[in-house]
Amino acid sequence: MLGVVLCWIPSIRIPAAFGWVIAGLAASRSRAILFAALLPVAIRLALLPWFPPPEPFIHDEFGHLLVAETLASGRLANPVPAGWEHFESFHIFFQPVYSAVYFPGNSIFIAAALALTGHPWPGVLLSMAVLCGVAVWTLEGWMPRRWALLGAIALALRFGIWSYWTNSYWGGAVAATGGFLLIGSAGPKRKFSPVAFGVGSAILLFTRPFEGLIAGAAISAAGAIWRRRLGPALAIVAVAVLALGYYNYRVTGDPWKPPYKVTMELYADGNVIPGLSPRKTVEYRHDVMRRYNEEFETHNGLAFQSATAFFELTRMKADVWRNRLLGPALLLPLVVGAWLRRRWGLALAAALSAFSIHQFIVAHYFSPLLGLQWVLALIGLRWLTLVQFTRNLGIVLALAVVVSCLSTHKSTFVDHVWGCCPMQGNLARAATVRELEAMGGRHLVLITYNPNHYVHHEWVFNAASIADARIIWARSMTPEKDAALMAAYPDRTVWRMNPDLNPRAREKIR
């Protein structure tokens, strides 16, 4: 509605000027790609005085940052530090090495930023820029370039400004880029690109292989990919499989065992797919770890225990997909596009149905399918604006949809997906880091929580090289074990904190 209000002006000058600008930018492919790539970065940087770079909050963000810092240091895994039992945290493991559960695709961009700038957030912006630039190339295989650019602008406004894909370290853009390359390689306006299909498949293998397999199967079936020249694609995928196998070997000791299997075995962490349930009995060293896995991870797996729970979870997934990945303004164009391209519409419907066996409901789990649904939505929008309305009214409606992509996604940024997380991350923890760093020297912070501590508000996450870190975050255990930990790190000022009582107060104990 806001987009319509902003764009409904009783004059032909505004829509004519809009169409002229888009046509001018789209006259050159490189210019269109560069504009789409830079647009979300420029707007987000312009908002820095009001919305500074995000601080991590969600457990997953700290895990991606750990993998990124490890890669930036030139390692694939980290040695197990002394006193590792105090450092245990969610989605992180210390046996056989110190690492996190995540596939490295998203962290590669963050690692590049850390190596070049010393800060992780530019890597997130880079991944969003790549996504929006690739979107132009993808959509151009399905429609005229000016419409491809319009679709990329809508994508940038939807995910590049307010979305947690840009304002966290949780990921989304990298896997979506893989999905866009898959559907772009099969565009009817260009010759099939086996290189793009192979690179897209490799990206999905390194980011979201399960969801990527669903997206790849759907696109391959709808586009009859097996009839195409697949030699280069298969070669790229083979190299990616070998590279990921080597990464798994260095992290888990087994090329066929991904890191997330380690935490499933150690902590019963992550009933992601039925049939992959971890072991039932785990001896936890920390109550907060037990509560998280029993009250959250295991509870999610119960969604497959009854038909009622399964359908409720499916309904929640549909809400997330419709409201946070697509948006109300693109729902009708998507339906129209799916009808106009029925084979591809059925592929999208089948892929979304296959997602019902996945237990989690966060928007970036759908990211490998974003390219397919964005292509269909733009096909439907183009048909609606060009066929059903006069030229100027059609341009107004297209502009309204684009503006709506900006306005309808802000609530997701404020809620930070679940409604559980501050807009800019864990600011109290970040402030403590700045205060301790300003003191100089090196520090060890022992964390305790109240019995009713909220398990998603976690403070114990550490750098890749714990022994060399200026600040070590540790869980307080028994007095004897705490004393042993302090003895293992003798050159540090030791503090005790309970963030549940006062997130800014700390007691110096050495």
Protein backbone atom coordinates (compact mmCIF):
# COMPACT_ATOMS: atom_id res chain seq x y z
CA MET A 1 0.00 0.00 0.00
CA LEU A 2 2.81 2.42 0.87
CA GLY A 3 4.41 1.77 -2.49
CA VAL A 4 1.18 2.58 -4.33
CA VAL A 5 0.71 5.78 -2.34
CA LEU A 6 4.26 6.92 -3.05
CA CYS A 7 4.07 6.13 -6.73
CA TRP A 8 0.50 7.12 -7.61
CA ILE A 9 1.09 10.65 -8.89
CA PRO A 10 -1.34 12.16 -11.42
CA SER A 11 1.37 12.93 -13.94
CA ILE A 12 3.11 11.04 -16.70
CA ARG A 13 6.42 12.70 -15.88
CA ILE A 14 7.33 10.52 -12.90
CA PRO A 15 6.72 7.13 -14.56
CA ALA A 16 8.27 8.36 -17.79
CA ALA A 17 11.38 9.53 -15.95
CA PHE A 18 11.55 6.26 -14.05
CA GLY A 19 11.36 4.26 -17.26
CA TRP A 20 13.99 6.49 -18.88
CA VAL A 21 16.43 6.01 -16.00
CA ILE A 22 15.98 2.22 -16.00
CA ALA A 23 16.41 2.09 -19.76
CA GLY A 24 19.56 4.19 -19.57
CA LEU A 25 21.12 2.02 -16.89
CA ALA A 26 20.12 -1.14 -18.73
CA ALA A 27 21.66 -0.03 -22.02
CA SER A 28 24.90 -1.67 -20.89
CA ARG A 29 25.01 -5.06 -19.17
CA SER A 30 28.08 -4.17 -17.13
CA ARG A 31 26.51 -0.86 -16.07
CA ALA A 32 23.31 -2.59 -15.00
CA ILE A 33 25.18 -5.23 -13.00
CA LEU A 34 27.43 -2.64 -11.35
CA PHE A 35 24.48 -0.42 -10.41
CA ALA A 36 22.51 -3.33 -8.92
CA ALA A 37 25.56 -4.49 -6.96
CA LEU A 38 26.40 -1.08 -5.54
CA LEU A 39 22.84 0.02 -4.74
CA PRO A 40 22.30 -1.92 -1.48
CA VAL A 41 25.84 -1.18 -0.31
CA ALA A 42 25.48 2.55 -0.93
CA ILE A 43 22.10 2.82 0.79
CA ARG A 44 23.17 0.75 3.79
CA LEU A 45 26.39 2.74 4.21
CA ALA A 46 24.39 5.95 4.04
CA LEU A 47 22.34 4.70 7.02
CA LEU A 48 25.41 4.09 9.22
CA PRO A 49 24.89 7.25 11.33
CA TRP A 50 21.56 5.78 12.49
CA PHE A 51 22.21 2.05 12.09
CA PRO A 52 25.88 1.15 12.73
CA PRO A 53 27.39 -2.21 11.74
CA PRO A 54 25.68 -5.06 13.58
CA GLU A 55 27.04 -6.92 16.56
CA PRO A 56 26.48 -10.70 16.63
CA PHE A 57 23.68 -12.03 18.82
CA ILE A 58 22.35 -15.35 17.51
CA HIS A 59 24.46 -18.43 18.28
CA ASP A 60 24.81 -19.13 14.57
CA GLU A 61 26.39 -15.74 13.95
CA PHE A 62 29.22 -16.44 16.39
CA GLY A 63 29.74 -19.82 14.71
CA HIS A 64 30.06 -18.28 11.26
CA LEU A 65 32.44 -15.67 12.66
CA LEU A 66 34.57 -18.41 14.25
CA VAL A 67 34.88 -20.25 10.92
CA ALA A 68 35.64 -16.96 9.15
CA GLU A 69 38.34 -15.98 11.64
CA THR A 70 39.85 -19.45 11.33
CA LEU A 71 39.99 -19.16 7.53
CA ALA A 72 41.36 -15.62 7.71
CA SER A 73 44.20 -16.91 9.89
CA GLY A 74 45.18 -19.42 7.20
CA ARG A 75 43.79 -22.48 9.02
CA LEU A 76 40.87 -24.80 8.39
CA ALA A 77 40.57 -25.77 12.08
CA ASN A 78 42.00 -24.66 15.40
CA PRO A 79 43.92 -26.64 18.04
CA VAL A 80 42.04 -27.55 21.21
CA PRO A 81 42.84 -24.93 23.88
CA ALA A 82 43.66 -25.60 27.51
CA GLY A 83 40.57 -25.64 29.72
CA TRP A 84 38.27 -26.17 26.74
CA GLU A 85 35.46 -27.48 28.95
CA HIS A 86 34.92 -23.88 30.13
CA PHE A 87 34.56 -22.64 26.55
CA GLU A 88 31.84 -25.02 25.32
CA SER A 89 29.04 -23.23 23.54
CA PHE A 90 26.26 -23.73 21.04
CA HIS A 91 27.07 -25.09 17.56
CA ILE A 92 30.77 -25.14 18.51
CA PHE A 93 32.89 -28.17 19.38
CA PHE A 94 36.33 -28.83 20.85
CA GLN A 95 36.82 -32.47 19.89
CA PRO A 96 38.70 -33.49 17.77
CA VAL A 97 39.53 -29.84 16.98
CA TYR A 98 38.13 -26.42 17.87
CA SER A 99 35.67 -25.32 15.21
CA ALA A 100 31.99 -24.65 14.43
CA VAL A 101 29.35 -26.74 12.71
CA TYR A 102 28.77 -24.57 9.66
CA PHE A 103 29.69 -25.14 6.06
CA PRO A 104 32.34 -22.58 5.08
CA GLY A 105 30.66 -20.85 2.12
CA ASN A 106 29.18 -17.91 4.01
CA SER A 107 32.31 -17.52 6.13
CA ILE A 108 34.60 -17.23 3.09
CA PHE A 109 33.21 -13.75 2.38
CA ILE A 110 33.54 -12.74 6.02
CA ALA A 111 37.07 -14.14 6.14
CA ALA A 112 38.04 -12.04 3.13
CA ALA A 113 36.74 -8.93 4.88
CA LEU A 114 38.61 -9.79 8.08
CA ALA A 115 41.83 -10.26 6.17
CA LEU A 116 41.46 -7.03 4.18
CA THR A 117 39.74 -4.67 6.62
CA GLY A 118 39.91 -6.29 10.06
CA HIS A 119 36.11 -6.16 10.39
CA PRO A 120 33.65 -8.90 9.37
CA TRP A 121 30.70 -6.81 8.19
CA PRO A 122 32.15 -5.68 4.82
CA GLY A 123 32.09 -9.37 3.87
CA VAL A 124 28.34 -9.42 4.44
CA LEU A 125 27.92 -6.32 2.28
CA LEU A 126 30.10 -7.92 -0.40
CA SER A 127 27.95 -11.04 -0.46
CA MET A 128 24.81 -8.91 -0.90
CA ALA A 129 26.46 -6.92 -3.70
CA VAL A 130 27.39 -10.14 -5.49
CA LEU A 131 23.84 -11.45 -5.12
CA CYS A 132 22.25 -8.33 -6.61
CA GLY A 133 24.75 -8.20 -9.46
CA VAL A 134 24.21 -11.87 -10.28
CA ALA A 135 20.44 -11.26 -10.18
CA VAL A 136 20.73 -8.97 -13.22
CA TRP A 137 22.54 -11.67 -15.19
CA THR A 138 20.03 -14.31 -14.05
CA LEU A 139 16.89 -12.35 -14.87
CA GLU A 140 18.31 -11.25 -18.23
CA GLY A 141 18.11 -14.87 -19.30
CA TRP A 142 14.35 -14.71 -18.86
CA MET A 143 13.31 -11.16 -19.80
CA PRO A 144 14.61 -7.89 -21.30
CA ARG A 145 17.53 -6.34 -19.45
CA ARG A 146 15.55 -3.34 -18.18
CA TRP A 147 13.20 -5.72 -16.41
CA ALA A 148 16.16 -7.72 -15.15
CA LEU A 149 17.58 -4.54 -13.63
CA LEU A 150 14.19 -3.68 -12.11
CA GLY A 151 14.04 -7.11 -10.52
CA ALA A 152 17.56 -6.75 -9.13
CA ILE A 153 16.66 -3.34 -7.66
CA ALA A 154 13.62 -4.89 -5.97
CA LEU A 155 15.87 -7.65 -4.61
CA ALA A 156 18.35 -5.08 -3.28
CA LEU A 157 15.61 -3.12 -1.52
CA ARG A 158 14.02 -6.24 -0.08
CA PHE A 159 17.14 -7.93 1.30
CA GLY A 160 19.95 -5.37 1.13
CA ILE A 161 18.72 -2.65 3.50
CA TRP A 162 16.62 -3.87 6.43
CA SER A 163 16.97 -7.62 6.14
CA TYR A 164 19.02 -9.65 8.61
CA TRP A 165 20.77 -11.02 5.51
CA THR A 166 22.62 -7.69 5.54
CA ASN A 167 22.40 -6.78 9.22
CA SER A 168 23.75 -9.93 10.83
CA TYR A 169 26.34 -12.63 10.21
CA TRP A 170 23.76 -15.36 9.80
CA GLY A 171 24.00 -15.64 6.04
CA GLY A 172 21.47 -15.91 3.25
CA ALA A 173 22.94 -13.95 0.34
CA VAL A 174 25.67 -16.43 -0.56
CA ALA A 175 23.34 -19.43 -0.81
CA ALA A 176 20.81 -17.29 -2.70
CA THR A 177 23.54 -16.41 -5.21
CA GLY A 178 24.03 -20.12 -5.87
CA GLY A 179 20.32 -20.53 -6.50
CA PHE A 180 20.24 -17.53 -8.85
CA LEU A 181 23.11 -18.98 -10.88
CA LEU A 182 21.26 -22.30 -11.24
CA ILE A 183 18.07 -20.76 -12.59
CA GLY A 184 20.01 -18.19 -14.63
CA SER A 185 21.97 -20.89 -16.42
CA ALA A 186 18.71 -22.35 -17.73
CA GLY A 187 17.17 -19.08 -18.95
CA PRO A 188 15.41 -19.48 -22.33
CA LYS A 189 16.87 -16.22 -23.72
CA ARG A 190 20.45 -17.54 -23.55
CA LYS A 191 22.37 -20.69 -24.33
CA PHE A 192 22.65 -23.03 -21.35
CA SER A 193 25.67 -22.09 -19.24
CA PRO A 194 27.26 -25.19 -17.69
CA VAL A 195 29.84 -23.01 -15.93
CA ALA A 196 27.14 -20.99 -14.15
CA PHE A 197 25.26 -24.17 -13.27
CA GLY A 198 28.45 -25.73 -11.89
CA VAL A 199 29.46 -22.64 -9.90
CA GLY A 200 25.93 -22.32 -8.50
CA SER A 201 25.95 -25.96 -7.46
CA ALA A 202 29.36 -25.55 -5.82
CA ILE A 203 28.18 -22.50 -3.87
CA LEU A 204 25.16 -24.40 -2.59
CA LEU A 205 27.36 -27.35 -1.65
CA PHE A 206 29.49 -25.01 0.47
CA THR A 207 26.54 -23.20 2.07
CA ARG A 208 23.27 -25.13 2.24
CA PRO A 209 23.76 -28.55 0.59
CA PHE A 210 20.47 -30.10 1.72
CA GLU A 211 18.28 -27.21 0.58
CA GLY A 212 20.56 -26.75 -2.43
CA LEU A 213 19.97 -30.35 -3.47
CA ILE A 214 16.22 -29.71 -3.44
CA ALA A 215 16.61 -26.50 -5.48
CA GLY A 216 19.01 -28.15 -7.91
CA ALA A 217 16.76 -31.15 -8.43
CA ALA A 218 13.71 -28.96 -9.07
CA ILE A 219 15.52 -26.70 -11.55
CA SER A 220 17.20 -29.66 -13.27
CA ALA A 221 13.88 -31.44 -13.71
CA ALA A 222 12.02 -28.38 -15.00
CA GLY A 223 14.85 -27.38 -17.34
CA ALA A 224 15.71 -30.91 -18.50
CA ILE A 225 19.30 -30.15 -17.54
CA TRP A 226 20.43 -33.73 -18.19
CA ARG A 227 19.98 -33.08 -21.92
CA ARG A 228 22.48 -30.22 -21.87
CA ARG A 229 26.27 -30.21 -22.16
CA LEU A 230 27.22 -30.82 -18.52
CA GLY A 231 30.94 -31.58 -18.75
CA PRO A 232 32.16 -28.22 -17.34
CA ALA A 233 29.45 -28.26 -14.66
CA LEU A 234 30.37 -31.74 -13.52
CA ALA A 235 34.05 -30.83 -13.44
CA ILE A 236 33.36 -27.80 -11.23
CA VAL A 237 31.15 -29.82 -8.90
CA ALA A 238 33.80 -32.57 -8.69
CA VAL A 239 36.41 -30.02 -7.62
CA ALA A 240 33.98 -28.58 -5.07
CA VAL A 241 33.25 -32.05 -3.65
CA LEU A 242 36.97 -32.73 -3.29
CA ALA A 243 37.55 -29.34 -1.65
CA LEU A 244 34.69 -29.82 0.80
CA GLY A 245 35.86 -33.36 1.52
CA TYR A 246 39.31 -32.04 2.36
CA TYR A 247 37.76 -29.38 4.61
CA ASN A 248 35.70 -32.04 6.40
CA TYR A 249 38.79 -34.20 6.80
CA ARG A 250 40.76 -31.41 8.42
CA VAL A 251 37.88 -30.56 10.77
CA THR A 252 36.34 -33.94 11.62
CA GLY A 253 38.94 -36.46 10.44
CA ASP A 254 36.52 -37.93 7.88
CA PRO A 255 35.97 -36.46 4.37
CA TRP A 256 32.37 -37.69 4.40
CA LYS A 257 31.55 -36.36 7.85
CA PRO A 258 30.52 -32.69 7.90
CA PRO A 259 31.15 -30.66 11.06
CA TYR A 260 27.51 -30.53 12.15
CA LYS A 261 27.60 -34.30 12.67
CA VAL A 262 30.17 -33.78 15.43
CA THR A 263 27.84 -31.69 17.59
CA MET A 264 24.98 -34.07 16.85
CA GLU A 265 27.10 -36.84 18.36
CA LEU A 266 28.53 -34.80 21.25
CA TYR A 267 25.55 -32.73 22.34
CA ALA A 268 22.44 -34.14 20.62
CA ASP A 269 22.48 -30.84 18.73
CA GLY A 270 20.37 -30.45 15.61
CA ASN A 271 17.60 -32.87 14.59
CA VAL A 272 17.60 -31.31 11.14
CA ILE A 273 16.15 -34.17 9.10
CA PRO A 274 14.09 -37.17 10.24
CA GLY A 275 16.32 -40.21 10.52
CA LEU A 276 19.38 -38.21 11.54
CA SER A 277 18.46 -38.05 15.22
CA PRO A 278 21.51 -37.84 17.47
CA ARG A 279 22.13 -40.05 20.47
CA LYS A 280 19.59 -39.83 23.26
CA THR A 281 21.79 -39.60 26.37
CA VAL A 282 24.36 -36.85 26.79
CA GLU A 283 26.27 -35.88 29.92
CA TYR A 284 26.34 -32.10 29.81
CA ARG A 285 28.95 -30.13 31.74
CA HIS A 286 26.83 -26.97 31.70
CA ASP A 287 23.14 -26.67 32.48
CA VAL A 288 22.59 -24.00 29.84
CA MET A 289 23.84 -26.42 27.18
CA ARG A 290 21.47 -29.11 28.42
CA ARG A 291 18.53 -26.72 28.49
CA TYR A 292 19.23 -25.44 25.00
CA ASN A 293 19.39 -28.88 23.44
CA GLU A 294 16.50 -30.35 25.40
CA GLU A 295 14.18 -27.34 25.32
CA PHE A 296 14.97 -26.01 21.85
CA GLU A 297 16.78 -28.40 19.52
CA THR A 298 15.02 -31.57 20.66
CA HIS A 299 11.69 -29.75 20.86
CA ASN A 300 12.01 -28.79 17.20
CA GLY A 301 12.44 -32.45 16.32
CA LEU A 302 9.14 -33.25 18.04
CA ALA A 303 7.37 -31.51 15.16
CA PHE A 304 7.64 -34.79 13.28
CA GLN A 305 6.11 -36.86 16.09
CA SER A 306 2.47 -36.12 15.18
CA ALA A 307 0.47 -34.96 12.20
CA THR A 308 -0.89 -31.98 14.12
CA ALA A 309 2.58 -30.73 15.04
CA PHE A 310 3.85 -31.35 11.52
CA PHE A 311 1.07 -29.33 9.89
CA GLU A 312 1.51 -26.51 12.42
CA LEU A 313 5.22 -26.34 11.60
CA THR A 314 4.40 -26.39 7.89
CA ARG A 315 1.97 -23.50 8.38
CA MET A 316 4.68 -21.52 10.19
CA LYS A 317 7.12 -22.19 7.36
CA ALA A 318 4.55 -20.96 4.83
CA ASP A 319 4.12 -17.76 6.84
CA VAL A 320 7.89 -17.18 6.95
CA TRP A 321 8.22 -17.83 3.23
CA ARG A 322 5.26 -15.61 2.27
CA ASN A 323 5.92 -12.68 4.62
CA ARG A 324 9.69 -12.61 5.02
CA LEU A 325 11.11 -14.10 1.85
CA LEU A 326 8.55 -13.04 -0.74
CA GLY A 327 6.45 -10.21 0.68
CA PRO A 328 2.78 -9.39 -0.01
CA ALA A 329 3.49 -7.17 -3.01
CA LEU A 330 5.04 -10.03 -5.00
CA LEU A 331 2.55 -12.75 -4.09
CA LEU A 332 0.13 -12.07 -6.96
CA PRO A 333 2.93 -11.64 -9.54
CA LEU A 334 4.43 -14.95 -8.38
CA VAL A 335 1.12 -16.76 -8.81
CA VAL A 336 0.70 -15.26 -12.28
CA GLY A 337 4.29 -16.08 -13.24
CA ALA A 338 3.92 -19.66 -12.00
CA TRP A 339 0.79 -19.99 -14.15
CA LEU A 340 2.47 -18.52 -17.23
CA ARG A 341 5.49 -20.81 -16.77
CA ARG A 342 3.63 -23.83 -15.44
CA ARG A 343 6.55 -26.24 -15.61
CA TRP A 344 8.69 -23.93 -13.51
CA GLY A 345 5.80 -23.11 -11.22
CA LEU A 346 5.32 -26.80 -10.51
CA ALA A 347 9.06 -27.12 -9.85
CA LEU A 348 8.84 -24.33 -7.25
CA ALA A 349 5.77 -25.88 -5.64
CA ALA A 350 7.46 -29.29 -5.48
CA ALA A 351 10.63 -27.84 -3.99
CA LEU A 352 8.71 -25.89 -1.35
CA SER A 353 6.79 -29.04 -0.48
CA ALA A 354 10.07 -30.92 -0.05
CA PHE A 355 11.13 -28.32 2.50
CA SER A 356 8.38 -29.61 4.78
CA ILE A 357 10.73 -32.35 6.02
CA HIS A 358 13.13 -29.70 7.33
CA GLN A 359 12.43 -28.72 10.93
CA PHE A 360 13.61 -25.10 10.98
CA ILE A 361 11.63 -22.11 9.77
CA VAL A 362 14.10 -19.23 9.39
CA ALA A 363 14.00 -17.35 6.06
CA HIS A 364 17.55 -18.06 4.89
CA TYR A 365 16.82 -21.79 4.79
CA PHE A 366 14.70 -21.00 1.71
CA SER A 367 17.50 -18.95 0.09
CA PRO A 368 18.51 -21.57 -2.57
CA LEU A 369 14.99 -21.24 -4.02
CA LEU A 370 14.92 -17.45 -4.04
CA GLY A 371 16.22 -17.23 -7.61
CA LEU A 372 13.48 -19.43 -9.03
CA GLN A 373 10.70 -17.62 -7.21
CA TRP A 374 12.15 -14.21 -8.11
CA VAL A 375 12.24 -15.13 -11.80
CA LEU A 376 8.61 -16.26 -11.71
CA ALA A 377 7.52 -13.17 -9.74
CA LEU A 378 9.17 -10.83 -12.25
CA ILE A 379 7.64 -12.73 -15.18
CA GLY A 380 4.22 -12.31 -13.56
CA LEU A 381 4.83 -8.64 -12.73
CA ARG A 382 5.91 -7.90 -16.29
CA TRP A 383 2.82 -9.58 -17.68
CA LEU A 384 0.53 -7.70 -15.31
CA THR A 385 2.04 -4.29 -16.02
CA LEU A 386 2.53 -4.61 -19.77
CA VAL A 387 -0.51 -6.63 -20.79
CA GLN A 388 -3.21 -5.57 -18.37
CA PHE A 389 -2.58 -1.82 -18.11
CA THR A 390 -1.56 1.19 -20.15
CA ARG A 391 2.16 1.87 -20.39
CA ASN A 392 2.32 4.66 -17.79
CA LEU A 393 0.01 2.92 -15.35
CA GLY A 394 2.03 -0.26 -15.75
CA ILE A 395 5.23 1.60 -14.92
CA VAL A 396 3.56 3.10 -11.85
CA LEU A 397 2.47 -0.32 -10.64
CA ALA A 398 5.92 -1.79 -11.24
CA LEU A 399 7.51 1.08 -9.31
CA ALA A 400 4.98 0.59 -6.52
CA VAL A 401 5.96 -3.06 -6.17
CA VAL A 402 9.66 -2.13 -6.07
CA VAL A 403 9.11 0.49 -3.37
CA SER A 404 6.98 -1.99 -1.41
CA CYS A 405 9.95 -4.35 -1.35
CA LEU A 406 11.71 -1.72 0.77
CA SER A 407 8.83 -0.87 3.07
CA THR A 408 7.47 -4.33 3.84
CA HIS A 409 10.72 -5.84 5.11
CA LYS A 410 11.57 -3.44 7.91
CA SER A 411 9.64 -5.42 10.53
CA THR A 412 11.92 -8.40 9.92
CA PHE A 413 14.94 -6.22 10.65
CA VAL A 414 13.44 -4.93 13.89
CA ASP A 415 12.32 -8.39 15.00
CA HIS A 416 15.62 -9.95 13.91
CA VAL A 417 13.70 -12.96 12.60
CA TRP A 418 12.20 -14.42 15.78
CA GLY A 419 11.29 -11.30 17.71
CA CYS A 420 13.88 -12.37 20.30
CA CYS A 421 16.86 -10.35 19.30
CA PRO A 422 17.82 -6.65 19.47
CA MET A 423 18.05 -4.83 16.18
CA GLN A 424 21.81 -4.29 16.36
CA GLY A 425 22.83 -7.47 18.21
CA ASN A 426 24.18 -8.03 21.71
CA LEU A 427 25.19 -4.45 22.45
CA ALA A 428 25.87 -5.09 26.15
CA ARG A 429 28.47 -7.74 25.34
CA ALA A 430 29.99 -5.50 22.66
CA ALA A 431 30.22 -2.62 25.16
CA THR A 432 31.99 -4.89 27.65
CA VAL A 433 34.48 -5.89 24.96
CA ARG A 434 35.24 -2.23 24.21
CA GLU A 435 35.67 -1.40 27.92
CA LEU A 436 38.05 -4.28 28.53
CA GLU A 437 40.07 -3.54 25.42
CA ALA A 438 40.36 0.10 26.48
CA MET A 439 41.93 -1.03 29.77
CA GLY A 440 44.75 -2.71 27.92
CA GLY A 441 46.25 -6.05 28.85
CA ARG A 442 44.56 -9.41 28.53
CA HIS A 443 41.43 -10.61 30.29
CA LEU A 444 39.58 -13.76 31.33
CA VAL A 445 35.85 -13.33 32.00
CA LEU A 446 34.04 -16.05 33.98
CA ILE A 447 30.33 -16.08 33.15
CA THR A 448 27.52 -17.34 35.37
CA TYR A 449 23.78 -17.22 34.69
CA ASN A 450 20.59 -17.35 36.69
CA PRO A 451 18.71 -20.69 36.68
CA ASN A 452 16.03 -19.24 34.38
CA HIS A 453 18.56 -17.76 31.95
CA TYR A 454 17.25 -17.25 28.39
CA VAL A 455 19.31 -19.73 26.38
CA HIS A 456 19.39 -17.60 23.22
CA HIS A 457 21.15 -14.75 25.05
CA GLU A 458 24.64 -16.25 25.18
CA TRP A 459 27.92 -14.52 26.05
CA VAL A 460 30.48 -17.35 25.92
CA PHE A 461 31.94 -17.25 22.44
CA ASN A 462 35.62 -16.90 21.71
CA ALA A 463 38.15 -16.03 19.04
CA ALA A 464 39.69 -18.68 16.81
CA SER A 465 42.97 -18.55 18.73
CA ILE A 466 41.81 -18.49 22.35
CA ALA A 467 45.28 -18.42 23.85
CA ASP A 468 46.18 -15.29 21.83
CA ALA A 469 42.85 -13.48 22.31
CA ARG A 470 42.78 -10.27 24.34
CA ILE A 471 39.53 -11.43 25.97
CA ILE A 472 38.63 -15.01 26.84
CA TRP A 473 35.01 -15.79 27.70
CA ALA A 474 34.56 -18.85 29.92
CA ARG A 475 31.82 -20.61 31.84
CA SER A 476 32.38 -20.67 35.56
CA MET A 477 32.38 -24.25 36.88
CA THR A 478 33.53 -25.46 40.29
CA PRO A 479 36.02 -23.40 42.35
CA GLU A 480 38.68 -26.03 41.71
CA LYS A 481 38.13 -26.03 37.94
CA ASP A 482 37.98 -22.24 37.82
CA ALA A 483 41.30 -22.09 39.68
CA ALA A 484 42.83 -24.53 37.21
CA LEU A 485 41.60 -22.41 34.32
CA MET A 486 43.11 -19.25 35.82
CA ALA A 487 46.37 -21.13 36.32
CA ALA A 488 46.35 -22.13 32.64
CA TYR A 489 46.10 -18.44 31.64
CA PRO A 490 48.23 -16.76 34.33
CA ASP A 491 48.91 -13.43 32.61
CA ARG A 492 45.29 -12.28 32.55
CA THR A 493 43.07 -10.09 34.66
CA VAL A 494 40.16 -12.26 35.77
CA TRP A 495 36.59 -11.01 36.04
CA ARG A 496 33.32 -12.60 37.08
CA MET A 497 30.02 -11.56 35.48
CA ASN A 498 26.36 -12.50 35.61
CA PRO A 499 24.70 -10.80 32.62
CA ASP A 500 21.26 -11.79 33.95
CA LEU A 501 21.77 -9.59 37.04
CA ASN A 502 23.55 -6.69 35.36
CA PRO A 503 24.99 -6.98 31.84
CA ARG A 504 27.43 -4.13 32.50
CA ALA A 505 28.66 -5.05 36.00
CA ARG A 506 31.68 -7.26 36.65
CA GLU A 507 33.73 -8.24 39.67
CA LYS A 508 37.50 -8.35 39.51
CA ILE A 509 38.82 -11.50 41.18
CA ARG A 510 42.47 -11.36 40.12
